[in-house]
């Protein structure tokens, strides 16, 4: 099961990273105001997701990529909190959806940890 889930996990991060470049406004909207350089942070996190997702596909980089994903998920957690806190950041998403996203981050961290 763990081996079958790995390509799916990689695909999720690669597609999420690509989405930073397709719909950057969504990511810019959830950036907490106290974080500087919003556009650069969206680009950096998008590139990181793509590279880490690709890294999951190779045994040589798998463990490094999994740890990188854990660090990335922790680093972007303030954006998830901002989405709960701010109606503007939430956009059209219902509050309950963004609230459920918070514990999902811990599930994603656990999933990445399985490959460390």
PDB file of N, CA and C in Angstrom:
ATOM      1  N   UNK A   1       0.827  -1.193   0.000  1.00  0.00           N
ATOM      2  CA  UNK A   1       0.000   0.000   0.000  1.00  0.00           C
ATOM      3  C   UNK A   1       0.871   1.257   0.000  1.00  0.00           C
ATOM      4  N   UNK A   2       1.909   1.238   0.829  1.00  0.00           N
ATOM      5  CA  UNK A   2       2.807   2.384   0.946  1.00  0.00           C
ATOM      6  C   UNK A   2       3.470   2.689  -0.406  1.00  0.00           C
ATOM      7  N   UNK A   3       3.875   1.655  -1.121  1.00  0.00           N
ATOM      8  CA  UNK A   3       4.523   1.829  -2.415  1.00  0.00           C
ATOM      9  C   UNK A   3       3.536   2.329  -3.467  1.00  0.00           C
ATOM     10  N   UNK A   4       2.283   1.898  -3.369  1.00  0.00           N
ATOM     11  CA  UNK A   4       1.266   2.348  -4.310  1.00  0.00           C
ATOM     12  C   UNK A   4       0.885   3.806  -4.071  1.00  0.00           C
ATOM     13  N   UNK A   5       0.942   4.244  -2.829  1.00  0.00           N
ATOM     14  CA  UNK A   5       0.552   5.610  -2.478  1.00  0.00           C
ATOM     15  C   UNK A   5       1.616   6.635  -2.859  1.00  0.00           C
ATOM     16  N   UNK A   6       2.849   6.197  -2.994  1.00  0.00           N
ATOM     17  CA  UNK A   6       3.950   7.130  -3.245  1.00  0.00           C
ATOM     18  C   UNK A   6       3.813   7.901  -4.566  1.00  0.00           C
ATOM     19  N   UNK A   7       3.550   7.244  -5.697  1.00  0.00           N
ATOM     20  CA  UNK A   7       3.385   8.027  -6.936  1.00  0.00           C
ATOM     21  C   UNK A   7       2.196   8.997  -6.866  1.00  0.00           C
ATOM     22  N   UNK A   8       1.143   8.591  -6.168  1.00  0.00           N
ATOM     23  CA  UNK A   8      -0.018   9.460  -5.989  1.00  0.00           C
ATOM     24  C   UNK A   8       0.367  10.692  -5.180  1.00  0.00           C
ATOM     25  N   UNK A   9       1.135  10.477  -4.123  1.00  0.00           N
ATOM     26  CA  UNK A   9       1.604  11.585  -3.297  1.00  0.00           C
ATOM     27  C   UNK A   9       2.479  12.527  -4.127  1.00  0.00           C
ATOM     28  N   UNK A  10       3.376  11.951  -4.910  1.00  0.00           N
ATOM     29  CA  UNK A  10       4.243  12.767  -5.764  1.00  0.00           C
ATOM     30  C   UNK A  10       3.403  13.602  -6.725  1.00  0.00           C
ATOM     31  N   UNK A  11       2.410  12.997  -7.332  1.00  0.00           N
ATOM     32  CA  UNK A  11       1.547  13.695  -8.280  1.00  0.00           C
ATOM     33  C   UNK A  11       0.806  14.852  -7.601  1.00  0.00           C
ATOM     34  N   UNK A  12       0.333  14.615  -6.400  1.00  0.00           N
ATOM     35  CA  UNK A  12      -0.370  15.671  -5.655  1.00  0.00           C
ATOM     36  C   UNK A  12       0.531  16.897  -5.488  1.00  0.00           C
ATOM     37  N   UNK A  13       1.783  16.685  -5.077  1.00  0.00           N
ATOM     38  CA  UNK A  13       2.683  17.816  -4.841  1.00  0.00           C
ATOM     39  C   UNK A  13       3.121  18.477  -6.145  1.00  0.00           C
ATOM     40  N   UNK A  14       3.343  17.694  -7.177  1.00  0.00           N
ATOM     41  CA  UNK A  14       3.720  18.275  -8.466  1.00  0.00           C
ATOM     42  C   UNK A  14       2.580  19.143  -9.004  1.00  0.00           C
ATOM     43  N   UNK A  15       1.360  18.623  -8.965  1.00  0.00           N
ATOM     44  CA  UNK A  15       0.209  19.394  -9.454  1.00  0.00           C
ATOM     45  C   UNK A  15      -0.063  20.614  -8.580  1.00  0.00           C
ATOM     46  N   UNK A  16       0.083  20.463  -7.276  1.00  0.00           N
ATOM     47  CA  UNK A  16      -0.104  21.606  -6.374  1.00  0.00           C
ATOM     48  C   UNK A  16       0.929  22.685  -6.676  1.00  0.00           C
ATOM     49  N   UNK A  17       2.162  22.269  -6.917  1.00  0.00           N
ATOM     50  CA  UNK A  17       3.210  23.237  -7.248  1.00  0.00           C
ATOM     51  C   UNK A  17       2.925  23.953  -8.554  1.00  0.00           C
ATOM     52  N   UNK A  18       2.473  23.213  -9.551  1.00  0.00           N
ATOM     53  CA  UNK A  18       2.125  23.820 -10.838  1.00  0.00           C
ATOM     54  C   UNK A  18       0.992  24.821 -10.665  1.00  0.00           C
ATOM     55  N   UNK A  19       0.057  24.504  -9.781  1.00  0.00           N
ATOM     56  CA  UNK A  19      -1.083  25.405  -9.580  1.00  0.00           C
ATOM     57  C   UNK A  19      -0.648  26.770  -9.038  1.00  0.00           C
ATOM     58  N   UNK A  20       0.507  26.842  -8.389  1.00  0.00           N
ATOM     59  CA  UNK A  20       1.021  28.130  -7.915  1.00  0.00           C
ATOM     60  C   UNK A  20       1.261  29.087  -9.085  1.00  0.00           C
ATOM     61  N   UNK A  21       1.542  28.527 -10.255  1.00  0.00           N
ATOM     62  CA  UNK A  21       1.831  29.333 -11.426  1.00  0.00           C
ATOM     63  C   UNK A  21       0.597  29.546 -12.309  1.00  0.00           C
ATOM     64  N   UNK A  22      -0.377  28.667 -12.184  1.00  0.00           N
ATOM     65  CA  UNK A  22      -1.601  28.773 -12.966  1.00  0.00           C
ATOM     66  C   UNK A  22      -2.606  29.705 -12.286  1.00  0.00           C
ATOM     67  N   UNK A  23      -2.731  29.561 -10.964  1.00  0.00           N
ATOM     68  CA  UNK A  23      -3.672  30.390 -10.197  1.00  0.00           C
ATOM     69  C   UNK A  23      -2.976  31.035  -8.994  1.00  0.00           C
ATOM     70  N   UNK A  24      -1.971  31.877  -9.265  1.00  0.00           N
ATOM     71  CA  UNK A  24      -1.216  32.476  -8.149  1.00  0.00           C
ATOM     72  C   UNK A  24      -2.069  33.364  -7.243  1.00  0.00           C
ATOM     73  N   UNK A  25      -3.138  33.949  -7.782  1.00  0.00           N
ATOM     74  CA  UNK A  25      -3.977  34.830  -6.969  1.00  0.00           C
ATOM     75  C   UNK A  25      -4.557  34.098  -5.761  1.00  0.00           C
ATOM     76  N   UNK A  26      -4.882  32.823  -5.936  1.00  0.00           N
ATOM     77  CA  UNK A  26      -5.419  32.051  -4.821  1.00  0.00           C
ATOM     78  C   UNK A  26      -4.395  31.963  -3.685  1.00  0.00           C
ATOM     79  N   UNK A  27      -3.149  31.726  -4.054  1.00  0.00           N
ATOM     80  CA  UNK A  27      -2.095  31.597  -3.047  1.00  0.00           C
ATOM     81  C   UNK A  27      -1.723  32.957  -2.455  1.00  0.00           C
ATOM     82  N   UNK A  28      -1.729  33.984  -3.280  1.00  0.00           N
ATOM     83  CA  UNK A  28      -1.438  35.326  -2.782  1.00  0.00           C
ATOM     84  C   UNK A  28      -2.492  35.769  -1.771  1.00  0.00           C
ATOM     85  N   UNK A  29      -3.737  35.379  -2.007  1.00  0.00           N
ATOM     86  CA  UNK A  29      -4.841  35.768  -1.130  1.00  0.00           C
ATOM     87  C   UNK A  29      -4.698  35.178   0.276  1.00  0.00           C
ATOM     88  N   UNK A  30      -4.081  34.005   0.398  1.00  0.00           N
ATOM     89  CA  UNK A  30      -4.007  33.363   1.715  1.00  0.00           C
ATOM     90  C   UNK A  30      -2.701  33.662   2.457  1.00  0.00           C
ATOM     91  N   UNK A  31      -1.847  34.482   1.847  1.00  0.00           N
ATOM     92  CA  UNK A  31      -0.586  34.826   2.512  1.00  0.00           C
ATOM     93  C   UNK A  31      -0.856  35.743   3.705  1.00  0.00           C
ATOM     94  N   UNK A  32      -0.384  35.374   4.875  1.00  0.00           N
ATOM     95  CA  UNK A  32      -0.550  36.261   6.038  1.00  0.00           C
ATOM     96  C   UNK A  32       0.158  37.594   5.780  1.00  0.00           C
ATOM     97  N   UNK A  33      -0.430  38.692   6.250  1.00  0.00           N
ATOM     98  CA  UNK A  33       0.156  40.009   5.980  1.00  0.00           C
ATOM     99  C   UNK A  33       1.552  40.200   6.564  1.00  0.00           C
ATOM    100  N   UNK A  34       1.897  39.469   7.607  1.00  0.00           N
ATOM    101  CA  UNK A  34       3.201  39.657   8.250  1.00  0.00           C
ATOM    102  C   UNK A  34       4.335  38.939   7.514  1.00  0.00           C
ATOM    103  N   UNK A  35       4.013  38.141   6.518  1.00  0.00           N
ATOM    104  CA  UNK A  35       5.049  37.459   5.731  1.00  0.00           C
ATOM    105  C   UNK A  35       5.420  38.370   4.557  1.00  0.00           C
ATOM    106  N   UNK A  36       6.702  38.661   4.392  1.00  0.00           N
ATOM    107  CA  UNK A  36       7.104  39.569   3.305  1.00  0.00           C
ATOM    108  C   UNK A  36       7.184  38.863   1.944  1.00  0.00           C
ATOM    109  N   UNK A  37       7.254  39.647   0.907  1.00  0.00           N
ATOM    110  CA  UNK A  37       7.516  39.160  -0.446  1.00  0.00           C
ATOM    111  C   UNK A  37       6.528  38.073  -0.898  1.00  0.00           C
ATOM    112  N   UNK A  38       5.262  38.405  -0.858  1.00  0.00           N
ATOM    113  CA  UNK A  38       4.217  37.425  -1.154  1.00  0.00           C
ATOM    114  C   UNK A  38       4.413  36.727  -2.495  1.00  0.00           C
ATOM    115  N   UNK A  39       4.658  37.480  -3.548  1.00  0.00           N
ATOM    116  CA  UNK A  39       4.813  36.860  -4.874  1.00  0.00           C
ATOM    117  C   UNK A  39       5.993  35.896  -4.893  1.00  0.00           C
ATOM    118  N   UNK A  40       7.097  36.320  -4.320  1.00  0.00           N
ATOM    119  CA  UNK A  40       8.279  35.459  -4.280  1.00  0.00           C
ATOM    120  C   UNK A  40       8.003  34.196  -3.468  1.00  0.00           C
ATOM    121  N   UNK A  41       7.291  34.331  -2.366  1.00  0.00           N
ATOM    122  CA  UNK A  41       6.977  33.169  -1.530  1.00  0.00           C
ATOM    123  C   UNK A  41       6.077  32.177  -2.261  1.00  0.00           C
ATOM    124  N   UNK A  42       5.140  32.685  -3.051  1.00  0.00           N
ATOM    125  CA  UNK A  42       4.273  31.797  -3.827  1.00  0.00           C
ATOM    126  C   UNK A  42       5.100  31.045  -4.866  1.00  0.00           C
ATOM    127  N   UNK A  43       6.001  31.750  -5.533  1.00  0.00           N
ATOM    128  CA  UNK A  43       6.864  31.107  -6.530  1.00  0.00           C
ATOM    129  C   UNK A  43       7.777  30.078  -5.865  1.00  0.00           C
ATOM    130  N   UNK A  44       8.413  30.466  -4.775  1.00  0.00           N
ATOM    131  CA  UNK A  44       9.343  29.565  -4.075  1.00  0.00           C
ATOM    132  C   UNK A  44       8.614  28.315  -3.590  1.00  0.00           C
ATOM    133  N   UNK A  45       7.445  28.491  -2.989  1.00  0.00           N
ATOM    134  CA  UNK A  45       6.719  27.316  -2.485  1.00  0.00           C
ATOM    135  C   UNK A  45       6.227  26.444  -3.640  1.00  0.00           C
ATOM    136  N   UNK A  46       5.858  27.060  -4.759  1.00  0.00           N
ATOM    137  CA  UNK A  46       5.445  26.277  -5.923  1.00  0.00           C
ATOM    138  C   UNK A  46       6.596  25.454  -6.486  1.00  0.00           C
ATOM    139  N   UNK A  47       7.749  26.077  -6.637  1.00  0.00           N
ATOM    140  CA  UNK A  47       8.935  25.365  -7.130  1.00  0.00           C
ATOM    141  C   UNK A  47       9.310  24.251  -6.154  1.00  0.00           C
ATOM    142  N   UNK A  48       9.250  24.549  -4.866  1.00  0.00           N
ATOM    143  CA  UNK A  48       9.581  23.539  -3.851  1.00  0.00           C
ATOM    144  C   UNK A  48       8.649  22.337  -3.955  1.00  0.00           C
ATOM    145  N   UNK A  49       7.355  22.587  -4.102  1.00  0.00           N
ATOM    146  CA  UNK A  49       6.411  21.466  -4.215  1.00  0.00           C
ATOM    147  C   UNK A  49       6.697  20.622  -5.446  1.00  0.00           C
ATOM    148  N   UNK A  50       6.989  21.264  -6.564  1.00  0.00           N
ATOM    149  CA  UNK A  50       7.292  20.517  -7.792  1.00  0.00           C
ATOM    150  C   UNK A  50       8.551  19.677  -7.602  1.00  0.00           C
ATOM    151  N   UNK A  51       9.617  20.296  -7.115  1.00  0.00           N
ATOM    152  CA  UNK A  51      10.886  19.573  -6.947  1.00  0.00           C
ATOM    153  C   UNK A  51      10.777  18.456  -5.914  1.00  0.00           C
ATOM    154  N   UNK A  52      10.092  18.732  -4.811  1.00  0.00           N
ATOM    155  CA  UNK A  52       9.941  17.701  -3.775  1.00  0.00           C
ATOM    156  C   UNK A  52       9.058  16.561  -4.278  1.00  0.00           C
ATOM    157  N   UNK A  53       8.013  16.893  -5.027  1.00  0.00           N
ATOM    158  CA  UNK A  53       7.170  15.850  -5.615  1.00  0.00           C
ATOM    159  C   UNK A  53       7.964  14.956  -6.553  1.00  0.00           C
ATOM    160  N   UNK A  54       8.797  15.572  -7.388  1.00  0.00           N
ATOM    161  CA  UNK A  54       9.666  14.788  -8.280  1.00  0.00           C
ATOM    162  C   UNK A  54      10.645  13.967  -7.454  1.00  0.00           C
ATOM    163  N   UNK A  55      11.180  14.562  -6.397  1.00  0.00           N
ATOM    164  CA  UNK A  55      12.133  13.866  -5.530  1.00  0.00           C
ATOM    165  C   UNK A  55      11.563  12.615  -4.893  1.00  0.00           C
ATOM    166  N   UNK A  56      10.251  12.584  -4.687  1.00  0.00           N
ATOM    167  CA  UNK A  56       9.614  11.390  -4.123  1.00  0.00           C
ATOM    168  C   UNK A  56       9.683  10.195  -5.060  1.00  0.00           C
ATOM    169  N   UNK A  57       9.907  10.440  -6.327  1.00  0.00           N
ATOM    170  CA  UNK A  57       9.860   9.373  -7.332  1.00  0.00           C
ATOM    171  C   UNK A  57      11.163   8.591  -7.467  1.00  0.00           C
ATOM    172  N   UNK A  58      12.219   9.047  -6.815  1.00  0.00           N
ATOM    173  CA  UNK A  58      13.528   8.411  -6.959  1.00  0.00           C
ATOM    174  C   UNK A  58      14.049   7.967  -5.595  1.00  0.00           C
ATOM    175  N   UNK A  59      14.500   6.738  -5.522  1.00  0.00           N
ATOM    176  CA  UNK A  59      14.946   6.195  -4.235  1.00  0.00           C
ATOM    177  C   UNK A  59      16.098   7.014  -3.652  1.00  0.00           C
ATOM    178  N   UNK A  60      16.941   7.573  -4.504  1.00  0.00           N
ATOM    179  CA  UNK A  60      18.082   8.348  -4.039  1.00  0.00           C
ATOM    180  C   UNK A  60      17.647   9.626  -3.310  1.00  0.00           C
ATOM    181  N   UNK A  61      16.515  10.209  -3.705  1.00  0.00           N
ATOM    182  CA  UNK A  61      16.072  11.480  -3.129  1.00  0.00           C
ATOM    183  C   UNK A  61      14.794  11.352  -2.297  1.00  0.00           C
ATOM    184  N   UNK A  62      14.258  10.160  -2.201  1.00  0.00           N
ATOM    185  CA  UNK A  62      12.975   9.950  -1.527  1.00  0.00           C
ATOM    186  C   UNK A  62      12.965  10.483  -0.096  1.00  0.00           C
ATOM    187  N   UNK A  63      13.921  10.080   0.708  1.00  0.00           N
ATOM    188  CA  UNK A  63      13.916  10.487   2.118  1.00  0.00           C
ATOM    189  C   UNK A  63      14.100  11.999   2.258  1.00  0.00           C
ATOM    190  N   UNK A  64      15.015  12.572   1.494  1.00  0.00           N
ATOM    191  CA  UNK A  64      15.223  14.022   1.525  1.00  0.00           C
ATOM    192  C   UNK A  64      13.940  14.751   1.130  1.00  0.00           C
ATOM    193  N   UNK A  65      13.282  14.273   0.070  1.00  0.00           N
ATOM    194  CA  UNK A  65      12.045  14.907  -0.399  1.00  0.00           C
ATOM    195  C   UNK A  65      10.944  14.796   0.653  1.00  0.00           C
ATOM    196  N   UNK A  66      10.844  13.653   1.307  1.00  0.00           N
ATOM    197  CA  UNK A  66       9.820  13.479   2.343  1.00  0.00           C
ATOM    198  C   UNK A  66      10.052  14.449   3.492  1.00  0.00           C
ATOM    199  N   UNK A  67      11.295  14.595   3.936  1.00  0.00           N
ATOM    200  CA  UNK A  67      11.600  15.571   4.993  1.00  0.00           C
ATOM    201  C   UNK A  67      11.320  16.992   4.503  1.00  0.00           C
ATOM    202  N   UNK A  68      11.643  17.262   3.242  1.00  0.00           N
ATOM    203  CA  UNK A  68      11.372  18.574   2.675  1.00  0.00           C
ATOM    204  C   UNK A  68       9.886  18.893   2.663  1.00  0.00           C
ATOM    205  N   UNK A  69       9.081  17.900   2.354  1.00  0.00           N
ATOM    206  CA  UNK A  69       7.628  18.097   2.362  1.00  0.00           C
ATOM    207  C   UNK A  69       7.132  18.387   3.770  1.00  0.00           C
ATOM    208  N   UNK A  70       7.670  17.691   4.743  1.00  0.00           N
ATOM    209  CA  UNK A  70       7.288  17.951   6.134  1.00  0.00           C
ATOM    210  C   UNK A  70       7.613  19.393   6.504  1.00  0.00           C
ATOM    211  N   UNK A  71       8.816  19.837   6.176  1.00  0.00           N
ATOM    212  CA  UNK A  71       9.215  21.219   6.472  1.00  0.00           C
ATOM    213  C   UNK A  71       8.311  22.198   5.719  1.00  0.00           C
ATOM    214  N   UNK A  72       8.036  21.908   4.468  1.00  0.00           N
ATOM    215  CA  UNK A  72       7.179  22.784   3.666  1.00  0.00           C
ATOM    216  C   UNK A  72       5.775  22.880   4.253  1.00  0.00           C
ATOM    217  N   UNK A  73       5.209  21.753   4.656  1.00  0.00           N
ATOM    218  CA  UNK A  73       3.861  21.760   5.233  1.00  0.00           C
ATOM    219  C   UNK A  73       3.807  22.568   6.527  1.00  0.00           C
ATOM    220  N   UNK A  74       4.857  22.492   7.303  1.00  0.00           N
ATOM    221  CA  UNK A  74       4.925  23.303   8.529  1.00  0.00           C
ATOM    222  C   UNK A  74       5.071  24.783   8.161  1.00  0.00           C
ATOM    223  N   UNK A  75       5.891  25.070   7.151  1.00  0.00           N
ATOM    224  CA  UNK A  75       6.137  26.459   6.754  1.00  0.00           C
ATOM    225  C   UNK A  75       4.889  27.133   6.190  1.00  0.00           C
ATOM    226  N   UNK A  76       4.043  26.381   5.498  1.00  0.00           N
ATOM    227  CA  UNK A  76       2.855  26.995   4.895  1.00  0.00           C
ATOM    228  C   UNK A  76       1.642  26.957   5.819  1.00  0.00           C
ATOM    229  N   UNK A  77       1.775  26.372   6.981  1.00  0.00           N
ATOM    230  CA  UNK A  77       0.646  26.285   7.908  1.00  0.00           C
ATOM    231  C   UNK A  77       0.067  27.654   8.281  1.00  0.00           C
ATOM    232  N   UNK A  78       0.899  28.699   8.445  1.00  0.00           N
ATOM    233  CA  UNK A  78       0.313  30.020   8.716  1.00  0.00           C
ATOM    234  C   UNK A  78      -0.649  30.490   7.617  1.00  0.00           C
ATOM    235  N   UNK A  79      -0.422  30.099   6.378  1.00  0.00           N
ATOM    236  CA  UNK A  79      -1.356  30.463   5.301  1.00  0.00           C
ATOM    237  C   UNK A  79      -2.689  29.756   5.493  1.00  0.00           C
ATOM    238  N   UNK A  80      -2.652  28.524   5.985  1.00  0.00           N
ATOM    239  CA  UNK A  80      -3.895  27.804   6.262  1.00  0.00           C
ATOM    240  C   UNK A  80      -4.666  28.471   7.403  1.00  0.00           C
ATOM    241  N   UNK A  81      -3.935  28.933   8.397  1.00  0.00           N
ATOM    242  CA  UNK A  81      -4.568  29.643   9.516  1.00  0.00           C
ATOM    243  C   UNK A  81      -5.149  30.969   9.021  1.00  0.00           C
ATOM    244  N   UNK A  82      -4.421  31.656   8.153  1.00  0.00           N
ATOM    245  CA  UNK A  82      -4.911  32.924   7.591  1.00  0.00           C
ATOM    246  C   UNK A  82      -6.204  32.707   6.822  1.00  0.00           C
ATOM    247  N   UNK A  83      -6.301  31.588   6.151  1.00  0.00           N
ATOM    248  CA  UNK A  83      -7.512  31.287   5.388  1.00  0.00           C
ATOM    249  C   UNK A  83      -8.709  31.082   6.311  1.00  0.00           C
ATOM    250  N   UNK A  84      -8.485  30.536   7.479  1.00  0.00           N
ATOM    251  CA  UNK A  84      -9.558  30.384   8.464  1.00  0.00           C
ATOM    252  C   UNK A  84      -9.893  31.745   9.075  1.00  0.00           C
ATOM    253  N   UNK A  85      -8.871  32.512   9.382  1.00  0.00           N
ATOM    254  CA  UNK A  85      -9.021  33.785  10.076  1.00  0.00           C
ATOM    255  C   UNK A  85      -9.687  34.860   9.224  1.00  0.00           C
ATOM    256  N   UNK A  86      -9.377  34.897   7.941  1.00  0.00           N
ATOM    257  CA  UNK A  86      -9.797  36.003   7.089  1.00  0.00           C
ATOM    258  C   UNK A  86     -10.815  35.582   6.026  1.00  0.00           C
ATOM    259  N   UNK A  87     -11.938  36.249   6.024  1.00  0.00           N
ATOM    260  CA  UNK A  87     -12.958  35.974   5.007  1.00  0.00           C
ATOM    261  C   UNK A  87     -12.412  36.270   3.608  1.00  0.00           C
ATOM    262  N   UNK A  88     -11.608  37.316   3.479  1.00  0.00           N
ATOM    263  CA  UNK A  88     -11.001  37.655   2.187  1.00  0.00           C
ATOM    264  C   UNK A  88     -10.092  36.522   1.709  1.00  0.00           C
ATOM    265  N   UNK A  89      -9.292  35.973   2.615  1.00  0.00           N
ATOM    266  CA  UNK A  89      -8.391  34.879   2.257  1.00  0.00           C
ATOM    267  C   UNK A  89      -9.167  33.617   1.884  1.00  0.00           C
ATOM    268  N   UNK A  90     -10.290  33.431   2.520  1.00  0.00           N
ATOM    269  CA  UNK A  90     -11.127  32.244   2.292  1.00  0.00           C
ATOM    270  C   UNK A  90     -11.793  32.295   0.920  1.00  0.00           C
ATOM    271  N   UNK A  91     -12.086  33.495   0.455  1.00  0.00           N
ATOM    272  CA  UNK A  91     -12.780  33.620  -0.820  1.00  0.00           C
ATOM    273  C   UNK A  91     -14.167  33.018  -0.742  1.00  0.00           C
ATOM    274  N   UNK A  92     -14.505  32.189  -1.695  1.00  0.00           N
ATOM    275  CA  UNK A  92     -15.836  31.582  -1.751  1.00  0.00           C
ATOM    276  C   UNK A  92     -15.921  30.255  -1.002  1.00  0.00           C
ATOM    277  N   UNK A  93     -14.811  29.811  -0.451  1.00  0.00           N
ATOM    278  CA  UNK A  93     -14.829  28.542   0.276  1.00  0.00           C
ATOM    279  C   UNK A  93     -15.593  28.682   1.583  1.00  0.00           C
ATOM    280  N   UNK A  94     -16.414  27.704   1.918  1.00  0.00           N
ATOM    281  CA  UNK A  94     -17.098  27.746   3.215  1.00  0.00           C
ATOM    282  C   UNK A  94     -16.088  27.610   4.358  1.00  0.00           C
ATOM    283  N   UNK A  95     -16.399  28.232   5.477  1.00  0.00           N
ATOM    284  CA  UNK A  95     -15.505  28.185   6.634  1.00  0.00           C
ATOM    285  C   UNK A  95     -15.206  26.750   7.057  1.00  0.00           C
ATOM    286  N   UNK A  96     -16.206  25.884   7.043  1.00  0.00           N
ATOM    287  CA  UNK A  96     -15.986  24.509   7.498  1.00  0.00           C
ATOM    288  C   UNK A  96     -14.949  23.780   6.636  1.00  0.00           C
ATOM    289  N   UNK A  97     -14.850  24.131   5.362  1.00  0.00           N
ATOM    290  CA  UNK A  97     -13.877  23.487   4.469  1.00  0.00           C
ATOM    291  C   UNK A  97     -12.455  23.870   4.881  1.00  0.00           C
ATOM    292  N   UNK A  98     -12.235  25.161   5.132  1.00  0.00           N
ATOM    293  CA  UNK A  98     -10.884  25.592   5.498  1.00  0.00           C
ATOM    294  C   UNK A  98     -10.521  25.173   6.919  1.00  0.00           C
ATOM    295  N   UNK A  99     -11.511  25.027   7.774  1.00  0.00           N
ATOM    296  CA  UNK A  99     -11.240  24.510   9.120  1.00  0.00           C
ATOM    297  C   UNK A  99     -10.811  23.042   9.032  1.00  0.00           C
ATOM    298  N   UNK A 100     -11.470  22.256   8.187  1.00  0.00           N
ATOM    299  CA  UNK A 100     -11.093  20.850   8.017  1.00  0.00           C
ATOM    300  C   UNK A 100      -9.701  20.697   7.401  1.00  0.00           C
ATOM    301  N   UNK A 101      -9.272  21.714   6.680  1.00  0.00           N
ATOM    302  CA  UNK A 101      -7.951  21.658   6.061  1.00  0.00           C
ATOM    303  C   UNK A 101      -6.835  21.670   7.105  1.00  0.00           C
ATOM    304  N   UNK A 102      -7.083  22.293   8.250  1.00  0.00           N
ATOM    305  CA  UNK A 102      -6.042  22.372   9.284  1.00  0.00           C
ATOM    306  C   UNK A 102      -5.585  20.989   9.754  1.00  0.00           C
ATOM    307  N   UNK A 103      -6.497  20.110  10.204  1.00  0.00           N
ATOM    308  CA  UNK A 103      -6.024  18.785  10.608  1.00  0.00           C
ATOM    309  C   UNK A 103      -5.511  17.954   9.428  1.00  0.00           C
ATOM    310  N   UNK A 104      -5.979  18.266   8.222  1.00  0.00           N
ATOM    311  CA  UNK A 104      -5.480  17.552   7.043  1.00  0.00           C
ATOM    312  C   UNK A 104      -3.979  17.764   6.883  1.00  0.00           C
ATOM    313  N   UNK A 105      -3.486  18.938   7.265  1.00  0.00           N
ATOM    314  CA  UNK A 105      -2.051  19.199   7.197  1.00  0.00           C
ATOM    315  C   UNK A 105      -1.265  18.180   8.035  1.00  0.00           C
ATOM    316  N   UNK A 106      -1.810  17.823   9.193  1.00  0.00           N
ATOM    317  CA  UNK A 106      -1.132  16.841  10.046  1.00  0.00           C
ATOM    318  C   UNK A 106      -1.160  15.452   9.426  1.00  0.00           C
ATOM    319  N   UNK A 107      -2.234  15.127   8.745  1.00  0.00           N
ATOM    320  CA  UNK A 107      -2.319  13.853   8.018  1.00  0.00           C
ATOM    321  C   UNK A 107      -1.271  13.832   6.907  1.00  0.00           C
ATOM    322  N   UNK A 108      -1.144  14.941   6.187  1.00  0.00           N
ATOM    323  CA  UNK A 108      -0.144  15.015   5.115  1.00  0.00           C
ATOM    324  C   UNK A 108       1.277  14.925   5.668  1.00  0.00           C
ATOM    325  N   UNK A 109       1.514  15.530   6.823  1.00  0.00           N
ATOM    326  CA  UNK A 109       2.828  15.419   7.472  1.00  0.00           C
ATOM    327  C   UNK A 109       3.093  13.969   7.844  1.00  0.00           C
ATOM    328  N   UNK A 110       2.116  13.295   8.409  1.00  0.00           N
ATOM    329  CA  UNK A 110       2.275  11.885   8.775  1.00  0.00           C
ATOM    330  C   UNK A 110       2.545  11.045   7.524  1.00  0.00           C
ATOM    331  N   UNK A 111       1.817  11.317   6.446  1.00  0.00           N
ATOM    332  CA  UNK A 111       1.999  10.569   5.203  1.00  0.00           C
ATOM    333  C   UNK A 111       3.428  10.731   4.687  1.00  0.00           C
ATOM    334  N   UNK A 112       3.949  11.954   4.693  1.00  0.00           N
ATOM    335  CA  UNK A 112       5.333  12.184   4.265  1.00  0.00           C
ATOM    336  C   UNK A 112       6.310  11.499   5.208  1.00  0.00           C
ATOM    337  N   UNK A 113       6.013  11.530   6.495  1.00  0.00           N
ATOM    338  CA  UNK A 113       6.904  10.917   7.494  1.00  0.00           C
ATOM    339  C   UNK A 113       7.071   9.410   7.248  1.00  0.00           C
ATOM    340  N   UNK A 114       6.069   8.773   6.683  1.00  0.00           N
ATOM    341  CA  UNK A 114       6.174   7.340   6.383  1.00  0.00           C
ATOM    342  C   UNK A 114       7.351   7.019   5.460  1.00  0.00           C
ATOM    343  N   UNK A 115       7.797   8.000   4.707  1.00  0.00           N
ATOM    344  CA  UNK A 115       8.874   7.774   3.737  1.00  0.00           C
ATOM    345  C   UNK A 115      10.222   8.303   4.211  1.00  0.00           C
ATOM    346  N   UNK A 116      10.310   8.722   5.472  1.00  0.00           N
ATOM    347  CA  UNK A 116      11.585   9.223   5.993  1.00  0.00           C
ATOM    348  C   UNK A 116      12.408   8.093   6.556  1.00  0.00           C
TER     349      UNK A 116
END
